[in-house]
Amino acid sequence: MKKLLVLVVLAACVVVFSKSAPAIGPMATVDSEEFDAGSIKTGTTGILKHAFKIKNTGDSVLVIRDVRPG
């Protein structure tokens, strides 16, 4: 009986402590971190556009204050 009680307590501890920690604060997830525009000839005019999809996977509001091309 004592062994059964120990097994039940151990199983309960495993269940309680195996849960992942909750997200704290905002967390940005990007669909892809890079974009390859390919080859562009010198002197070509026009506009090149690409949209990165950013999703907040955290548990609070995500505010993007600055974006810089790299």
PDB file of N, CA and C in Angstrom:
ATOM      1  N   MET A   1       0.819  -1.187   0.000  1.00  0.00           N
ATOM      2  CA  MET A   1       0.000   0.000   0.000  1.00  0.00           C
ATOM      3  C   MET A   1       0.868   1.258   0.000  1.00  0.00           C
ATOM      4  N   LYS A   2       1.972   1.195   0.763  1.00  0.00           N
ATOM      5  CA  LYS A   2       2.869   2.347   0.843  1.00  0.00           C
ATOM      6  C   LYS A   2       3.521   2.613  -0.515  1.00  0.00           C
ATOM      7  N   LYS A   3       3.882   1.549  -1.243  1.00  0.00           N
ATOM      8  CA  LYS A   3       4.487   1.714  -2.569  1.00  0.00           C
ATOM      9  C   LYS A   3       3.498   2.346  -3.541  1.00  0.00           C
ATOM     10  N   LEU A   4       2.228   1.964  -3.451  1.00  0.00           N
ATOM     11  CA  LEU A   4       1.201   2.540  -4.317  1.00  0.00           C
ATOM     12  C   LEU A   4       1.041   4.028  -4.043  1.00  0.00           C
ATOM     13  N   LEU A   5       1.059   4.415  -2.788  1.00  0.00           N
ATOM     14  CA  LEU A   5       0.942   5.821  -2.419  1.00  0.00           C
ATOM     15  C   LEU A   5       2.126   6.618  -2.956  1.00  0.00           C
ATOM     16  N   VAL A   6       3.326   6.064  -2.852  1.00  0.00           N
ATOM     17  CA  VAL A   6       4.523   6.729  -3.366  1.00  0.00           C
ATOM     18  C   VAL A   6       4.424   6.887  -4.878  1.00  0.00           C
ATOM     19  N   LEU A   7       3.964   5.861  -5.583  1.00  0.00           N
ATOM     20  CA  LEU A   7       3.812   5.945  -7.039  1.00  0.00           C
ATOM     21  C   LEU A   7       2.787   7.006  -7.436  1.00  0.00           C
ATOM     22  N   VAL A   8       1.687   7.083  -6.714  1.00  0.00           N
ATOM     23  CA  VAL A   8       0.660   8.087  -7.016  1.00  0.00           C
ATOM     24  C   VAL A   8       1.204   9.494  -6.795  1.00  0.00           C
ATOM     25  N   VAL A   9       1.940   9.696  -5.718  1.00  0.00           N
ATOM     26  CA  VAL A   9       2.526  11.014  -5.448  1.00  0.00           C
ATOM     27  C   VAL A   9       3.553  11.375  -6.513  1.00  0.00           C
ATOM     28  N   LEU A  10       4.390  10.439  -6.904  1.00  0.00           N
ATOM     29  CA  LEU A  10       5.374  10.694  -7.956  1.00  0.00           C
ATOM     30  C   LEU A  10       4.699  11.021  -9.287  1.00  0.00           C
ATOM     31  N   ALA A  11       3.654  10.276  -9.622  1.00  0.00           N
ATOM     32  CA  ALA A  11       2.928  10.545 -10.863  1.00  0.00           C
ATOM     33  C   ALA A  11       2.295  11.934 -10.835  1.00  0.00           C
ATOM     34  N   ALA A  12       1.737  12.326  -9.694  1.00  0.00           N
ATOM     35  CA  ALA A  12       1.145  13.654  -9.561  1.00  0.00           C
ATOM     36  C   ALA A  12       2.208  14.740  -9.714  1.00  0.00           C
ATOM     37  N   CYS A  13       3.387  14.513  -9.147  1.00  0.00           N
ATOM     38  CA  CYS A  13       4.480  15.486  -9.278  1.00  0.00           C
ATOM     39  C   CYS A  13       4.921  15.626 -10.728  1.00  0.00           C
ATOM     40  N   VAL A  14       5.001  14.523 -11.440  1.00  0.00           N
ATOM     41  CA  VAL A  14       5.391  14.562 -12.851  1.00  0.00           C
ATOM     42  C   VAL A  14       4.384  15.364 -13.651  1.00  0.00           C
ATOM     43  N   VAL A  15       3.109  15.155 -13.410  1.00  0.00           N
ATOM     44  CA  VAL A  15       2.068  15.881 -14.145  1.00  0.00           C
ATOM     45  C   VAL A  15       2.132  17.370 -13.828  1.00  0.00           C
ATOM     46  N   VAL A  16       2.288  17.720 -12.572  1.00  0.00           N
ATOM     47  CA  VAL A  16       2.302  19.135 -12.170  1.00  0.00           C
ATOM     48  C   VAL A  16       3.527  19.854 -12.714  1.00  0.00           C
ATOM     49  N   PHE A  17       4.694  19.235 -12.619  1.00  0.00           N
ATOM     50  CA  PHE A  17       5.916  19.912 -13.016  1.00  0.00           C
ATOM     51  C   PHE A  17       6.267  19.754 -14.492  1.00  0.00           C
ATOM     52  N   SER A  18       5.559  18.939 -15.239  1.00  0.00           N
ATOM     53  CA  SER A  18       5.868  18.762 -16.653  1.00  0.00           C
ATOM     54  C   SER A  18       5.206  19.808 -17.536  1.00  0.00           C
ATOM     55  N   LYS A  19       4.249  20.552 -17.009  1.00  0.00           N
ATOM     56  CA  LYS A  19       3.602  21.593 -17.803  1.00  0.00           C
ATOM     57  C   LYS A  19       4.614  22.686 -18.094  1.00  0.00           C
ATOM     58  N   SER A  20       4.575  23.201 -19.330  1.00  0.00           N
ATOM     59  CA  SER A  20       5.520  24.249 -19.704  1.00  0.00           C
ATOM     60  C   SER A  20       5.139  25.557 -19.025  1.00  0.00           C
ATOM     61  N   ALA A  21       6.131  26.383 -18.817  1.00  0.00           N
ATOM     62  CA  ALA A  21       5.893  27.676 -18.177  1.00  0.00           C
ATOM     63  C   ALA A  21       5.088  28.563 -19.121  1.00  0.00           C
ATOM     64  N   PRO A  22       4.154  29.321 -18.586  1.00  0.00           N
ATOM     65  CA  PRO A  22       3.353  30.196 -19.433  1.00  0.00           C
ATOM     66  C   PRO A  22       4.202  31.326 -20.010  1.00  0.00           C
ATOM     67  N   ALA A  23       3.783  31.824 -21.171  1.00  0.00           N
ATOM     68  CA  ALA A  23       4.487  32.942 -21.790  1.00  0.00           C
ATOM     69  C   ALA A  23       4.365  34.161 -20.891  1.00  0.00           C
ATOM     70  N   ILE A  24       5.432  34.921 -20.781  1.00  0.00           N
ATOM     71  CA  ILE A  24       5.424  36.120 -19.957  1.00  0.00           C
ATOM     72  C   ILE A  24       5.730  37.300 -20.867  1.00  0.00           C
ATOM     73  N   GLY A  25       4.760  38.196 -21.019  1.00  0.00           N
ATOM     74  CA  GLY A  25       4.958  39.383 -21.841  1.00  0.00           C
ATOM     75  C   GLY A  25       4.729  39.084 -23.308  1.00  0.00           C
ATOM     76  N   PRO A  26       4.952  40.085 -24.146  1.00  0.00           N
ATOM     77  CA  PRO A  26       4.766  39.903 -25.586  1.00  0.00           C
ATOM     78  C   PRO A  26       5.889  39.073 -26.191  1.00  0.00           C
ATOM     79  N   MET A  27       5.580  38.351 -27.258  1.00  0.00           N
ATOM     80  CA  MET A  27       6.585  37.561 -27.962  1.00  0.00           C
ATOM     81  C   MET A  27       6.253  37.595 -29.453  1.00  0.00           C
ATOM     82  N   ALA A  28       7.150  38.154 -30.247  1.00  0.00           N
ATOM     83  CA  ALA A  28       6.936  38.257 -31.688  1.00  0.00           C
ATOM     84  C   ALA A  28       7.432  36.993 -32.377  1.00  0.00           C
ATOM     85  N   THR A  29       6.578  36.432 -33.236  1.00  0.00           N
ATOM     86  CA  THR A  29       6.947  35.292 -34.064  1.00  0.00           C
ATOM     87  C   THR A  29       6.809  35.723 -35.519  1.00  0.00           C
ATOM     88  N   VAL A  30       7.864  35.522 -36.308  1.00  0.00           N
ATOM     89  CA  VAL A  30       7.882  35.957 -37.702  1.00  0.00           C
ATOM     90  C   VAL A  30       7.809  34.729 -38.599  1.00  0.00           C
ATOM     91  N   ASP A  31       7.008  34.827 -39.692  1.00  0.00           N
ATOM     92  CA  ASP A  31       6.848  33.681 -40.596  1.00  0.00           C
ATOM     93  C   ASP A  31       8.158  33.301 -41.275  1.00  0.00           C
ATOM     94  N   SER A  32       8.971  34.284 -41.639  1.00  0.00           N
ATOM     95  CA  SER A  32      10.312  34.032 -42.173  1.00  0.00           C
ATOM     96  C   SER A  32      11.166  35.246 -41.846  1.00  0.00           C
ATOM     97  N   GLU A  33      12.410  35.014 -41.497  1.00  0.00           N
ATOM     98  CA  GLU A  33      13.288  36.108 -41.080  1.00  0.00           C
ATOM     99  C   GLU A  33      14.044  36.736 -42.235  1.00  0.00           C
ATOM    100  N   GLU A  34      14.028  36.107 -43.397  1.00  0.00           N
ATOM    101  CA  GLU A  34      14.772  36.622 -44.535  1.00  0.00           C
ATOM    102  C   GLU A  34      13.886  36.684 -45.765  1.00  0.00           C
ATOM    103  N   PHE A  35      14.252  37.570 -46.694  1.00  0.00           N
ATOM    104  CA  PHE A  35      13.585  37.669 -47.986  1.00  0.00           C
ATOM    105  C   PHE A  35      14.661  37.865 -49.044  1.00  0.00           C
ATOM    106  N   ASP A  36      14.673  37.005 -50.046  1.00  0.00           N
ATOM    107  CA  ASP A  36      15.637  37.100 -51.139  1.00  0.00           C
ATOM    108  C   ASP A  36      14.934  37.711 -52.343  1.00  0.00           C
ATOM    109  N   ALA A  37      15.326  38.912 -52.724  1.00  0.00           N
ATOM    110  CA  ALA A  37      14.708  39.608 -53.848  1.00  0.00           C
ATOM    111  C   ALA A  37      15.264  39.127 -55.184  1.00  0.00           C
ATOM    112  N   GLY A  38      16.227  38.252 -55.154  1.00  0.00           N
ATOM    113  CA  GLY A  38      16.801  37.747 -56.400  1.00  0.00           C
ATOM    114  C   GLY A  38      17.742  38.764 -57.019  1.00  0.00           C
ATOM    115  N   SER A  39      17.941  38.678 -58.331  1.00  0.00           N
ATOM    116  CA  SER A  39      18.834  39.596 -59.047  1.00  0.00           C
ATOM    117  C   SER A  39      18.027  40.748 -59.630  1.00  0.00           C
ATOM    118  N   ILE A  40      18.512  41.951 -59.399  1.00  0.00           N
ATOM    119  CA  ILE A  40      17.867  43.137 -59.942  1.00  0.00           C
ATOM    120  C   ILE A  40      18.920  43.887 -60.745  1.00  0.00           C
ATOM    121  N   LYS A  41      18.610  44.163 -62.010  1.00  0.00           N
ATOM    122  CA  LYS A  41      19.564  44.847 -62.882  1.00  0.00           C
ATOM    123  C   LYS A  41      19.757  46.295 -62.453  1.00  0.00           C
ATOM    124  N   THR A  42      20.986  46.785 -62.599  1.00  0.00           N
ATOM    125  CA  THR A  42      21.293  48.175 -62.291  1.00  0.00           C
ATOM    126  C   THR A  42      20.475  49.085 -63.192  1.00  0.00           C
ATOM    127  N   GLY A  43      19.928  50.122 -62.626  1.00  0.00           N
ATOM    128  CA  GLY A  43      19.140  51.077 -63.397  1.00  0.00           C
ATOM    129  C   GLY A  43      17.668  50.723 -63.488  1.00  0.00           C
ATOM    130  N   THR A  44      17.289  49.582 -62.923  1.00  0.00           N
ATOM    131  CA  THR A  44      15.886  49.191 -62.937  1.00  0.00           C
ATOM    132  C   THR A  44      15.103  50.121 -62.014  1.00  0.00           C
ATOM    133  N   THR A  45      13.976  50.586 -62.501  1.00  0.00           N
ATOM    134  CA  THR A  45      13.139  51.442 -61.655  1.00  0.00           C
ATOM    135  C   THR A  45      11.904  50.663 -61.239  1.00  0.00           C
ATOM    136  N   GLY A  46      11.286  51.134 -60.210  1.00  0.00           N
ATOM    137  CA  GLY A  46      10.091  50.467 -59.721  1.00  0.00           C
ATOM    138  C   GLY A  46      10.194  50.263 -58.224  1.00  0.00           C
ATOM    139  N   ILE A  47       9.207  49.631 -57.697  1.00  0.00           N
ATOM    140  CA  ILE A  47       9.139  49.410 -56.261  1.00  0.00           C
ATOM    141  C   ILE A  47       9.160  47.911 -55.985  1.00  0.00           C
ATOM    142  N   LEU A  48       9.978  47.518 -55.052  1.00  0.00           N
ATOM    143  CA  LEU A  48      10.036  46.132 -54.612  1.00  0.00           C
ATOM    144  C   LEU A  48       9.358  46.057 -53.258  1.00  0.00           C
ATOM    145  N   LYS A  49       8.371  45.197 -53.127  1.00  0.00           N
ATOM    146  CA  LYS A  49       7.636  45.084 -51.868  1.00  0.00           C
ATOM    147  C   LYS A  49       7.676  43.648 -51.360  1.00  0.00           C
ATOM    148  N   HIS A  50       7.681  43.533 -50.046  1.00  0.00           N
ATOM    149  CA  HIS A  50       7.549  42.241 -49.392  1.00  0.00           C
ATOM    150  C   HIS A  50       6.951  42.479 -48.010  1.00  0.00           C
ATOM    151  N   ALA A  51       6.049  41.636 -47.590  1.00  0.00           N
ATOM    152  CA  ALA A  51       5.430  41.764 -46.274  1.00  0.00           C
ATOM    153  C   ALA A  51       5.849  40.592 -45.396  1.00  0.00           C
ATOM    154  N   PHE A  52       6.368  40.907 -44.228  1.00  0.00           N
ATOM    155  CA  PHE A  52       6.669  39.892 -43.227  1.00  0.00           C
ATOM    156  C   PHE A  52       5.468  39.786 -42.301  1.00  0.00           C
ATOM    157  N   LYS A  53       5.012  38.580 -42.048  1.00  0.00           N
ATOM    158  CA  LYS A  53       3.880  38.375 -41.153  1.00  0.00           C
ATOM    159  C   LYS A  53       4.414  38.179 -39.739  1.00  0.00           C
ATOM    160  N   ILE A  54       3.991  39.058 -38.844  1.00  0.00           N
ATOM    161  CA  ILE A  54       4.426  39.016 -37.448  1.00  0.00           C
ATOM    162  C   ILE A  54       3.209  38.709 -36.586  1.00  0.00           C
ATOM    163  N   LYS A  55       3.359  37.730 -35.699  1.00  0.00           N
ATOM    164  CA  LYS A  55       2.264  37.328 -34.829  1.00  0.00           C
ATOM    165  C   LYS A  55       2.719  37.432 -33.374  1.00  0.00           C
ATOM    166  N   ASN A  56       1.851  37.959 -32.532  1.00  0.00           N
ATOM    167  CA  ASN A  56       2.130  38.035 -31.108  1.00  0.00           C
ATOM    168  C   ASN A  56       1.699  36.717 -30.468  1.00  0.00           C
ATOM    169  N   THR A  57       2.652  35.916 -30.048  1.00  0.00           N
ATOM    170  CA  THR A  57       2.346  34.639 -29.414  1.00  0.00           C
ATOM    171  C   THR A  57       2.505  34.716 -27.897  1.00  0.00           C
ATOM    172  N   GLY A  58       2.709  35.923 -27.376  1.00  0.00           N
ATOM    173  CA  GLY A  58       2.837  36.120 -25.935  1.00  0.00           C
ATOM    174  C   GLY A  58       1.481  36.327 -25.284  1.00  0.00           C
ATOM    175  N   ASP A  59       1.527  36.766 -24.032  1.00  0.00           N
ATOM    176  CA  ASP A  59       0.283  36.932 -23.289  1.00  0.00           C
ATOM    177  C   ASP A  59      -0.033  38.383 -22.955  1.00  0.00           C
ATOM    178  N   SER A  60       0.649  39.333 -23.601  1.00  0.00           N
ATOM    179  CA  SER A  60       0.304  40.741 -23.439  1.00  0.00           C
ATOM    180  C   SER A  60       0.504  41.459 -24.767  1.00  0.00           C
ATOM    181  N   VAL A  61       0.172  42.735 -24.792  1.00  0.00           N
ATOM    182  CA  VAL A  61       0.182  43.516 -26.032  1.00  0.00           C
ATOM    183  C   VAL A  61       1.605  43.678 -26.556  1.00  0.00           C
ATOM    184  N   LEU A  62       1.769  43.447 -27.860  1.00  0.00           N
ATOM    185  CA  LEU A  62       3.058  43.630 -28.531  1.00  0.00           C
ATOM    186  C   LEU A  62       3.029  44.972 -29.249  1.00  0.00           C
ATOM    187  N   VAL A  63       3.988  45.849 -28.945  1.00  0.00           N
ATOM    188  CA  VAL A  63       4.086  47.149 -29.572  1.00  0.00           C
ATOM    189  C   VAL A  63       5.403  47.195 -30.341  1.00  0.00           C
ATOM    190  N   ILE A  64       5.324  47.433 -31.651  1.00  0.00           N
ATOM    191  CA  ILE A  64       6.530  47.559 -32.491  1.00  0.00           C
ATOM    192  C   ILE A  64       6.780  49.048 -32.663  1.00  0.00           C
ATOM    193  N   ARG A  65       7.869  49.535 -32.108  1.00  0.00           N
ATOM    194  CA  ARG A  65       8.150  50.977 -32.109  1.00  0.00           C
ATOM    195  C   ARG A  65       9.121  51.404 -33.214  1.00  0.00           C
ATOM    196  N   ASP A  66       9.931  50.477 -33.717  1.00  0.00           N
ATOM    197  CA  ASP A  66      10.952  50.854 -34.690  1.00  0.00           C
ATOM    198  C   ASP A  66      11.261  49.665 -35.581  1.00  0.00           C
ATOM    199  N   VAL A  67      11.396  49.939 -36.857  1.00  0.00           N
ATOM    200  CA  VAL A  67      11.764  48.900 -37.824  1.00  0.00           C
ATOM    201  C   VAL A  67      12.892  49.468 -38.682  1.00  0.00           C
ATOM    202  N   ARG A  68      13.973  48.691 -38.826  1.00  0.00           N
ATOM    203  CA  ARG A  68      15.104  49.133 -39.637  1.00  0.00           C
ATOM    204  C   ARG A  68      15.494  48.037 -40.625  1.00  0.00           C
ATOM    205  N   PRO A  69      15.726  48.403 -41.875  1.00  0.00           N
ATOM    206  CA  PRO A  69      16.177  47.384 -42.831  1.00  0.00           C
ATOM    207  C   PRO A  69      17.594  46.930 -42.485  1.00  0.00           C
ATOM    208  N   GLY A  70      17.870  45.685 -42.772  1.00  0.00           N
ATOM    209  CA  GLY A  70      19.180  45.167 -42.374  1.00  0.00           C
ATOM    210  C   GLY A  70      20.016  44.737 -43.468  1.00  0.00           C
TER     211      GLY A  70
END
